[in-house]
């Protein structure tokens, strides 16, 4: 029994660390970076001592959570490159990147505005862009991706997806999935007619007022 105890403790520590990082991304993204550390601990279901043992300062916690987010983006591109079907890998990457960003809850934007010089992530960004350019090249070789698509088009797509506003996280995710499907159809050399994911209601229903002239006519007729 004692031989397995250290391994169990290490495993628990890893689980706690992952829960803390996941909670930090969610809470910071939805409520901003001014949220107290105790709120992160509560959301992660760990004690404050556990939180500070892993991350002695808030800046360390925020920086690591952001680094994980950057690495997650790169891993999604790598997953697309590993697909034996380059076009399917391209589409999968589009879908996954949009979904990751929709779940981001604005965490990346909040981090960049609060800690603009906290990390030098130029190497990660350059590596990710190089991999994305290779993903585009392979998809073009299949003849299914428009020949005029450039890397900047993917960046434009990410910027547009980041602008999606919705009343709930679920609606934002659903809207992002539909947007990804629209983008994939736009990227195709020969646009297809695959059905789109359902569109959530993004704005509250606003009653359309009747035109005053029509109301006057009806009143005159009744008179």
C-alpha atoms as a PDB file:
ATOM      1  CA  UNK A   1       0.000   0.000   0.000  1.00  0.00           C
ATOM      2  CA  UNK A   2       2.758   2.469   0.905  1.00  0.00           C
ATOM      3  CA  UNK A   3       4.519   1.753  -2.402  1.00  0.00           C
ATOM      4  CA  UNK A   4       1.579   3.258  -4.300  1.00  0.00           C
ATOM      5  CA  UNK A   5       1.027   6.232  -2.009  1.00  0.00           C
ATOM      6  CA  UNK A   6       3.557   8.692  -3.557  1.00  0.00           C
ATOM      7  CA  UNK A   7       2.200   8.017  -7.040  1.00  0.00           C
ATOM      8  CA  UNK A   8      -1.333   8.645  -5.798  1.00  0.00           C
ATOM      9  CA  UNK A   9      -0.309  11.943  -4.249  1.00  0.00           C
ATOM     10  CA  UNK A  10       1.425  13.044  -7.436  1.00  0.00           C
ATOM     11  CA  UNK A  11      -1.660  12.133  -9.434  1.00  0.00           C
ATOM     12  CA  UNK A  12      -3.895  14.090  -7.057  1.00  0.00           C
ATOM     13  CA  UNK A  13      -1.578  17.073  -7.309  1.00  0.00           C
ATOM     14  CA  UNK A  14      -1.728  16.977 -11.106  1.00  0.00           C
ATOM     15  CA  UNK A  15      -5.521  16.760 -10.995  1.00  0.00           C
ATOM     16  CA  UNK A  16      -5.692  19.715  -8.620  1.00  0.00           C
ATOM     17  CA  UNK A  17      -3.411  21.760 -10.841  1.00  0.00           C
ATOM     18  CA  UNK A  18      -5.514  21.050 -13.930  1.00  0.00           C
ATOM     19  CA  UNK A  19      -8.733  21.929 -12.090  1.00  0.00           C
ATOM     20  CA  UNK A  20      -7.211  25.188 -10.903  1.00  0.00           C
ATOM     21  CA  UNK A  21      -6.086  26.151 -14.414  1.00  0.00           C
ATOM     22  CA  UNK A  22      -9.449  25.256 -15.944  1.00  0.00           C
ATOM     23  CA  UNK A  23     -11.288  27.223 -13.268  1.00  0.00           C
ATOM     24  CA  UNK A  24      -8.950  30.192 -13.762  1.00  0.00           C
ATOM     25  CA  UNK A  25      -9.570  30.319 -17.512  1.00  0.00           C
ATOM     26  CA  UNK A  26     -13.325  30.188 -17.006  1.00  0.00           C
ATOM     27  CA  UNK A  27     -13.592  32.622 -14.086  1.00  0.00           C
ATOM     28  CA  UNK A  28     -11.065  35.141 -15.378  1.00  0.00           C
ATOM     29  CA  UNK A  29     -12.672  35.053 -18.814  1.00  0.00           C
ATOM     30  CA  UNK A  30     -16.204  35.638 -17.546  1.00  0.00           C
ATOM     31  CA  UNK A  31     -15.556  37.992 -14.627  1.00  0.00           C
ATOM     32  CA  UNK A  32     -12.203  39.607 -15.439  1.00  0.00           C
ATOM     33  CA  UNK A  33      -8.769  39.297 -13.897  1.00  0.00           C
ATOM     34  CA  UNK A  34      -9.685  41.179 -10.717  1.00  0.00           C
ATOM     35  CA  UNK A  35     -11.458  38.117  -9.306  1.00  0.00           C
ATOM     36  CA  UNK A  36      -9.912  37.166  -5.917  1.00  0.00           C
ATOM     37  CA  UNK A  37      -7.801  34.034  -5.753  1.00  0.00           C
ATOM     38  CA  UNK A  38     -10.193  32.530  -3.195  1.00  0.00           C
ATOM     39  CA  UNK A  39     -12.907  32.591  -5.878  1.00  0.00           C
ATOM     40  CA  UNK A  40     -10.642  30.563  -8.170  1.00  0.00           C
ATOM     41  CA  UNK A  41     -10.046  28.070  -5.355  1.00  0.00           C
ATOM     42  CA  UNK A  42     -13.781  27.777  -4.718  1.00  0.00           C
ATOM     43  CA  UNK A  43     -14.525  27.236  -8.394  1.00  0.00           C
ATOM     44  CA  UNK A  44     -11.779  24.594  -8.637  1.00  0.00           C
ATOM     45  CA  UNK A  45     -13.054  22.926  -5.455  1.00  0.00           C
ATOM     46  CA  UNK A  46      -9.681  23.112  -3.730  1.00  0.00           C
ATOM     47  CA  UNK A  47      -8.552  24.886  -0.580  1.00  0.00           C
ATOM     48  CA  UNK A  48      -6.698  28.218  -0.710  1.00  0.00           C
ATOM     49  CA  UNK A  49      -3.551  26.502   0.592  1.00  0.00           C
ATOM     50  CA  UNK A  50      -3.621  24.084  -2.345  1.00  0.00           C
ATOM     51  CA  UNK A  51      -4.077  26.950  -4.783  1.00  0.00           C
ATOM     52  CA  UNK A  52      -1.155  28.970  -3.383  1.00  0.00           C
ATOM     53  CA  UNK A  53       1.053  25.875  -3.217  1.00  0.00           C
ATOM     54  CA  UNK A  54       0.748  25.536  -6.981  1.00  0.00           C
ATOM     55  CA  UNK A  55       0.558  29.250  -7.827  1.00  0.00           C
ATOM     56  CA  UNK A  56       2.016  31.612  -5.172  1.00  0.00           C
ATOM     57  CA  UNK A  57       0.852  34.717  -7.076  1.00  0.00           C
ATOM     58  CA  UNK A  58      -2.091  35.564  -9.304  1.00  0.00           C
ATOM     59  CA  UNK A  59       0.204  36.637 -12.148  1.00  0.00           C
ATOM     60  CA  UNK A  60       1.832  33.182 -12.153  1.00  0.00           C
ATOM     61  CA  UNK A  61      -1.601  31.556 -12.343  1.00  0.00           C
ATOM     62  CA  UNK A  62      -2.828  33.813 -15.142  1.00  0.00           C
ATOM     63  CA  UNK A  63       0.385  33.426 -17.139  1.00  0.00           C
ATOM     64  CA  UNK A  64       0.328  29.640 -16.999  1.00  0.00           C
ATOM     65  CA  UNK A  65      -3.358  29.493 -17.879  1.00  0.00           C
ATOM     66  CA  UNK A  66      -2.668  31.685 -20.919  1.00  0.00           C
ATOM     67  CA  UNK A  67       0.342  29.605 -21.963  1.00  0.00           C
ATOM     68  CA  UNK A  68      -1.823  26.480 -21.839  1.00  0.00           C
ATOM     69  CA  UNK A  69      -4.358  28.228 -24.069  1.00  0.00           C
ATOM     70  CA  UNK A  70      -1.678  29.057 -26.640  1.00  0.00           C
ATOM     71  CA  UNK A  71      -0.365  25.497 -26.604  1.00  0.00           C
ATOM     72  CA  UNK A  72      -3.911  24.179 -27.003  1.00  0.00           C
ATOM     73  CA  UNK A  73      -4.293  26.199 -30.203  1.00  0.00           C
ATOM     74  CA  UNK A  74      -1.055  24.759 -31.546  1.00  0.00           C
ATOM     75  CA  UNK A  75      -2.090  21.199 -30.674  1.00  0.00           C
ATOM     76  CA  UNK A  76      -5.327  21.641 -32.651  1.00  0.00           C
ATOM     77  CA  UNK A  77      -3.348  22.634 -35.736  1.00  0.00           C
ATOM     78  CA  UNK A  78      -1.045  19.652 -35.209  1.00  0.00           C
ATOM     79  CA  UNK A  79      -4.092  17.395 -34.978  1.00  0.00           C
ATOM     80  CA  UNK A  80      -5.264  18.694 -38.345  1.00  0.00           C
ATOM     81  CA  UNK A  81      -1.834  18.098 -39.889  1.00  0.00           C
ATOM     82  CA  UNK A  82      -1.835  14.529 -38.577  1.00  0.00           C
ATOM     83  CA  UNK A  83      -5.097  13.716 -40.376  1.00  0.00           C
ATOM     84  CA  UNK A  84      -4.410  11.472 -43.413  1.00  0.00           C
ATOM     85  CA  UNK A  85      -7.032  13.464 -45.352  1.00  0.00           C
ATOM     86  CA  UNK A  86      -5.643  17.037 -45.641  1.00  0.00           C
ATOM     87  CA  UNK A  87      -9.039  18.568 -46.435  1.00  0.00           C
ATOM     88  CA  UNK A  88     -10.698  16.839 -43.490  1.00  0.00           C
ATOM     89  CA  UNK A  89      -7.785  17.919 -41.291  1.00  0.00           C
ATOM     90  CA  UNK A  90      -8.246  21.524 -42.425  1.00  0.00           C
ATOM     91  CA  UNK A  91     -11.986  21.457 -41.688  1.00  0.00           C
ATOM     92  CA  UNK A  92     -11.404  19.799 -38.315  1.00  0.00           C
ATOM     93  CA  UNK A  93      -8.929  22.508 -37.363  1.00  0.00           C
ATOM     94  CA  UNK A  94     -11.377  25.262 -38.302  1.00  0.00           C
ATOM     95  CA  UNK A  95     -14.124  23.681 -36.191  1.00  0.00           C
ATOM     96  CA  UNK A  96     -11.869  23.049 -33.205  1.00  0.00           C
ATOM     97  CA  UNK A  97     -10.234  26.487 -33.219  1.00  0.00           C
ATOM     98  CA  UNK A  98     -13.607  28.238 -33.336  1.00  0.00           C
ATOM     99  CA  UNK A  99     -14.924  26.071 -30.524  1.00  0.00           C
ATOM    100  CA  UNK A 100     -11.842  26.612 -28.369  1.00  0.00           C
ATOM    101  CA  UNK A 101     -12.172  30.343 -28.846  1.00  0.00           C
ATOM    102  CA  UNK A 102     -15.904  30.248 -28.057  1.00  0.00           C
ATOM    103  CA  UNK A 103     -15.131  28.475 -24.779  1.00  0.00           C
ATOM    104  CA  UNK A 104     -12.379  30.978 -24.031  1.00  0.00           C
ATOM    105  CA  UNK A 105     -14.899  33.444 -22.525  1.00  0.00           C
ATOM    106  CA  UNK A 106     -12.642  36.379 -23.415  1.00  0.00           C
ATOM    107  CA  UNK A 107      -9.774  35.134 -21.248  1.00  0.00           C
ATOM    108  CA  UNK A 108      -7.108  35.753 -23.902  1.00  0.00           C
ATOM    109  CA  UNK A 109      -8.236  39.339 -24.493  1.00  0.00           C
ATOM    110  CA  UNK A 110      -8.345  40.014 -20.759  1.00  0.00           C
ATOM    111  CA  UNK A 111      -4.841  38.626 -20.281  1.00  0.00           C
ATOM    112  CA  UNK A 112      -3.330  40.601 -23.156  1.00  0.00           C
ATOM    113  CA  UNK A 113      -4.837  43.879 -21.947  1.00  0.00           C
ATOM    114  CA  UNK A 114      -3.778  43.374 -18.311  1.00  0.00           C
ATOM    115  CA  UNK A 115      -0.364  41.731 -18.762  1.00  0.00           C
ATOM    116  CA  UNK A 116       0.771  42.834 -22.249  1.00  0.00           C
ATOM    117  CA  UNK A 117       4.439  42.119 -21.488  1.00  0.00           C
ATOM    118  CA  UNK A 118       4.113  39.217 -19.057  1.00  0.00           C
ATOM    119  CA  UNK A 119       5.110  36.558 -21.586  1.00  0.00           C
ATOM    120  CA  UNK A 120       7.130  36.399 -24.744  1.00  0.00           C
ATOM    121  CA  UNK A 121       4.988  34.035 -26.766  1.00  0.00           C
ATOM    122  CA  UNK A 122       6.464  35.030 -30.143  1.00  0.00           C
ATOM    123  CA  UNK A 123       8.064  31.597 -30.603  1.00  0.00           C
ATOM    124  CA  UNK A 124       4.780  29.761 -29.954  1.00  0.00           C
ATOM    125  CA  UNK A 125       2.895  32.110 -32.266  1.00  0.00           C
ATOM    126  CA  UNK A 126       5.448  31.790 -35.071  1.00  0.00           C
ATOM    127  CA  UNK A 127       5.442  28.010 -34.771  1.00  0.00           C
ATOM    128  CA  UNK A 128       1.631  27.894 -34.839  1.00  0.00           C
ATOM    129  CA  UNK A 129       1.407  30.166 -37.883  1.00  0.00           C
ATOM    130  CA  UNK A 130       4.007  28.076 -39.728  1.00  0.00           C
ATOM    131  CA  UNK A 131       2.012  24.921 -38.995  1.00  0.00           C
ATOM    132  CA  UNK A 132      -1.220  26.613 -40.107  1.00  0.00           C
ATOM    133  CA  UNK A 133       0.397  27.682 -43.383  1.00  0.00           C
ATOM    134  CA  UNK A 134       1.407  24.053 -44.007  1.00  0.00           C
ATOM    135  CA  UNK A 135      -2.164  22.967 -43.236  1.00  0.00           C
ATOM    136  CA  UNK A 136      -3.424  25.375 -45.904  1.00  0.00           C
ATOM    137  CA  UNK A 137      -0.841  24.201 -48.448  1.00  0.00           C
ATOM    138  CA  UNK A 138      -1.818  20.549 -48.016  1.00  0.00           C
ATOM    139  CA  UNK A 139      -5.517  21.338 -48.282  1.00  0.00           C
ATOM    140  CA  UNK A 140      -4.899  23.280 -51.510  1.00  0.00           C
ATOM    141  CA  UNK A 141      -3.060  20.294 -52.978  1.00  0.00           C
ATOM    142  CA  UNK A 142      -6.272  18.267 -52.701  1.00  0.00           C
ATOM    143  CA  UNK A 143      -8.052  20.745 -54.958  1.00  0.00           C
ATOM    144  CA  UNK A 144     -10.834  21.239 -52.420  1.00  0.00           C
ATOM    145  CA  UNK A 145      -9.538  24.468 -50.862  1.00  0.00           C
ATOM    146  CA  UNK A 146      -9.836  27.682 -52.851  1.00  0.00           C
ATOM    147  CA  UNK A 147      -6.445  28.535 -54.388  1.00  0.00           C
ATOM    148  CA  UNK A 148      -6.679  32.175 -53.279  1.00  0.00           C
ATOM    149  CA  UNK A 149      -6.987  31.371 -49.554  1.00  0.00           C
ATOM    150  CA  UNK A 150      -4.102  32.745 -47.496  1.00  0.00           C
ATOM    151  CA  UNK A 151      -2.988  32.483 -43.895  1.00  0.00           C
ATOM    152  CA  UNK A 152      -4.430  35.939 -43.249  1.00  0.00           C
ATOM    153  CA  UNK A 153      -7.882  34.550 -44.065  1.00  0.00           C
ATOM    154  CA  UNK A 154      -7.616  32.211 -41.079  1.00  0.00           C
ATOM    155  CA  UNK A 155      -6.571  35.115 -38.881  1.00  0.00           C
ATOM    156  CA  UNK A 156      -9.538  37.115 -40.171  1.00  0.00           C
ATOM    157  CA  UNK A 157     -11.822  34.179 -39.361  1.00  0.00           C
ATOM    158  CA  UNK A 158     -10.489  33.983 -35.790  1.00  0.00           C
ATOM    159  CA  UNK A 159     -10.976  37.722 -35.322  1.00  0.00           C
ATOM    160  CA  UNK A 160     -14.563  37.492 -36.566  1.00  0.00           C
ATOM    161  CA  UNK A 161     -15.320  34.449 -34.417  1.00  0.00           C
ATOM    162  CA  UNK A 162     -13.998  36.304 -31.395  1.00  0.00           C
ATOM    163  CA  UNK A 163     -16.588  39.021 -31.984  1.00  0.00           C
ATOM    164  CA  UNK A 164     -19.583  36.716 -31.536  1.00  0.00           C
ATOM    165  CA  UNK A 165     -21.839  37.977 -28.759  1.00  0.00           C
ATOM    166  CA  UNK A 166     -24.502  35.800 -27.155  1.00  0.00           C
ATOM    167  CA  UNK A 167     -26.633  35.805 -24.036  1.00  0.00           C
ATOM    168  CA  UNK A 168     -25.240  32.516 -22.687  1.00  0.00           C
ATOM    169  CA  UNK A 169     -22.058  30.451 -23.114  1.00  0.00           C
ATOM    170  CA  UNK A 170     -24.136  27.699 -24.769  1.00  0.00           C
ATOM    171  CA  UNK A 171     -25.560  30.130 -27.313  1.00  0.00           C
ATOM    172  CA  UNK A 172     -22.097  31.519 -28.025  1.00  0.00           C
ATOM    173  CA  UNK A 173     -20.781  28.013 -28.629  1.00  0.00           C
ATOM    174  CA  UNK A 174     -23.693  27.133 -30.923  1.00  0.00           C
ATOM    175  CA  UNK A 175     -23.227  30.356 -32.891  1.00  0.00           C
ATOM    176  CA  UNK A 176     -19.505  29.670 -33.221  1.00  0.00           C
ATOM    177  CA  UNK A 177     -20.171  26.189 -34.592  1.00  0.00           C
ATOM    178  CA  UNK A 178     -22.514  27.599 -37.214  1.00  0.00           C
ATOM    179  CA  UNK A 179     -19.967  30.272 -38.093  1.00  0.00           C
ATOM    180  CA  UNK A 180     -17.276  27.588 -38.532  1.00  0.00           C
ATOM    181  CA  UNK A 181     -19.568  25.655 -40.885  1.00  0.00           C
ATOM    182  CA  UNK A 182     -20.200  28.808 -42.915  1.00  0.00           C
ATOM    183  CA  UNK A 183     -16.490  29.506 -43.146  1.00  0.00           C
ATOM    184  CA  UNK A 184     -15.695  25.972 -44.292  1.00  0.00           C
ATOM    185  CA  UNK A 185     -18.259  26.277 -47.086  1.00  0.00           C
ATOM    186  CA  UNK A 186     -16.772  29.646 -48.071  1.00  0.00           C
ATOM    187  CA  UNK A 187     -13.262  28.152 -48.132  1.00  0.00           C
ATOM    188  CA  UNK A 188     -14.232  25.324 -50.475  1.00  0.00           C
ATOM    189  CA  UNK A 189     -13.135  25.556 -54.096  1.00  0.00           C
ATOM    190  CA  UNK A 190     -16.618  24.323 -55.044  1.00  0.00           C
ATOM    191  CA  UNK A 191     -19.049  25.408 -52.328  1.00  0.00           C
ATOM    192  CA  UNK A 192     -21.102  22.530 -51.007  1.00  0.00           C
ATOM    193  CA  UNK A 193     -24.597  22.413 -49.615  1.00  0.00           C
ATOM    194  CA  UNK A 194     -24.018  20.592 -46.337  1.00  0.00           C
ATOM    195  CA  UNK A 195     -26.646  21.488 -43.722  1.00  0.00           C
ATOM    196  CA  UNK A 196     -25.580  24.099 -41.210  1.00  0.00           C
ATOM    197  CA  UNK A 197     -25.713  23.599 -37.442  1.00  0.00           C
ATOM    198  CA  UNK A 198     -28.763  25.219 -35.802  1.00  0.00           C
ATOM    199  CA  UNK A 199     -28.644  28.962 -35.211  1.00  0.00           C
ATOM    200  CA  UNK A 200     -29.248  30.077 -31.613  1.00  0.00           C
ATOM    201  CA  UNK A 201     -31.137  33.276 -30.854  1.00  0.00           C
ATOM    202  CA  UNK A 202     -28.435  35.906 -30.446  1.00  0.00           C
ATOM    203  CA  UNK A 203     -30.659  38.933 -29.902  1.00  0.00           C
ATOM    204  CA  UNK A 204     -33.900  39.256 -27.927  1.00  0.00           C
ATOM    205  CA  UNK A 205     -37.054  39.304 -29.980  1.00  0.00           C
ATOM    206  CA  UNK A 206     -38.156  42.882 -30.626  1.00  0.00           C
ATOM    207  CA  UNK A 207     -41.795  43.514 -31.619  1.00  0.00           C
ATOM    208  CA  UNK A 208     -42.107  45.400 -34.906  1.00  0.00           C
ATOM    209  CA  UNK A 209     -44.348  48.473 -34.438  1.00  0.00           C
ATOM    210  CA  UNK A 210     -47.094  49.066 -36.953  1.00  0.00           C
ATOM    211  CA  UNK A 211     -46.585  52.034 -39.261  1.00  0.00           C
ATOM    212  CA  UNK A 212     -48.436  55.128 -38.118  1.00  0.00           C
ATOM    213  CA  UNK A 213     -49.889  55.808 -41.571  1.00  0.00           C
ATOM    214  CA  UNK A 214     -51.398  52.331 -41.650  1.00  0.00           C
ATOM    215  CA  UNK A 215     -52.863  52.839 -38.197  1.00  0.00           C
ATOM    216  CA  UNK A 216     -54.398  56.133 -39.350  1.00  0.00           C
ATOM    217  CA  UNK A 217     -55.934  54.508 -42.410  1.00  0.00           C
ATOM    218  CA  UNK A 218     -57.474  51.761 -40.296  1.00  0.00           C
ATOM    219  CA  UNK A 219     -58.836  54.358 -37.861  1.00  0.00           C
ATOM    220  CA  UNK A 220     -60.323  56.418 -40.715  1.00  0.00           C
ATOM    221  CA  UNK A 221     -61.926  53.320 -42.219  1.00  0.00           C
ATOM    222  CA  UNK A 222     -63.469  52.368 -38.909  1.00  0.00           C
ATOM    223  CA  UNK A 223     -64.757  55.942 -38.497  1.00  0.00           C
END
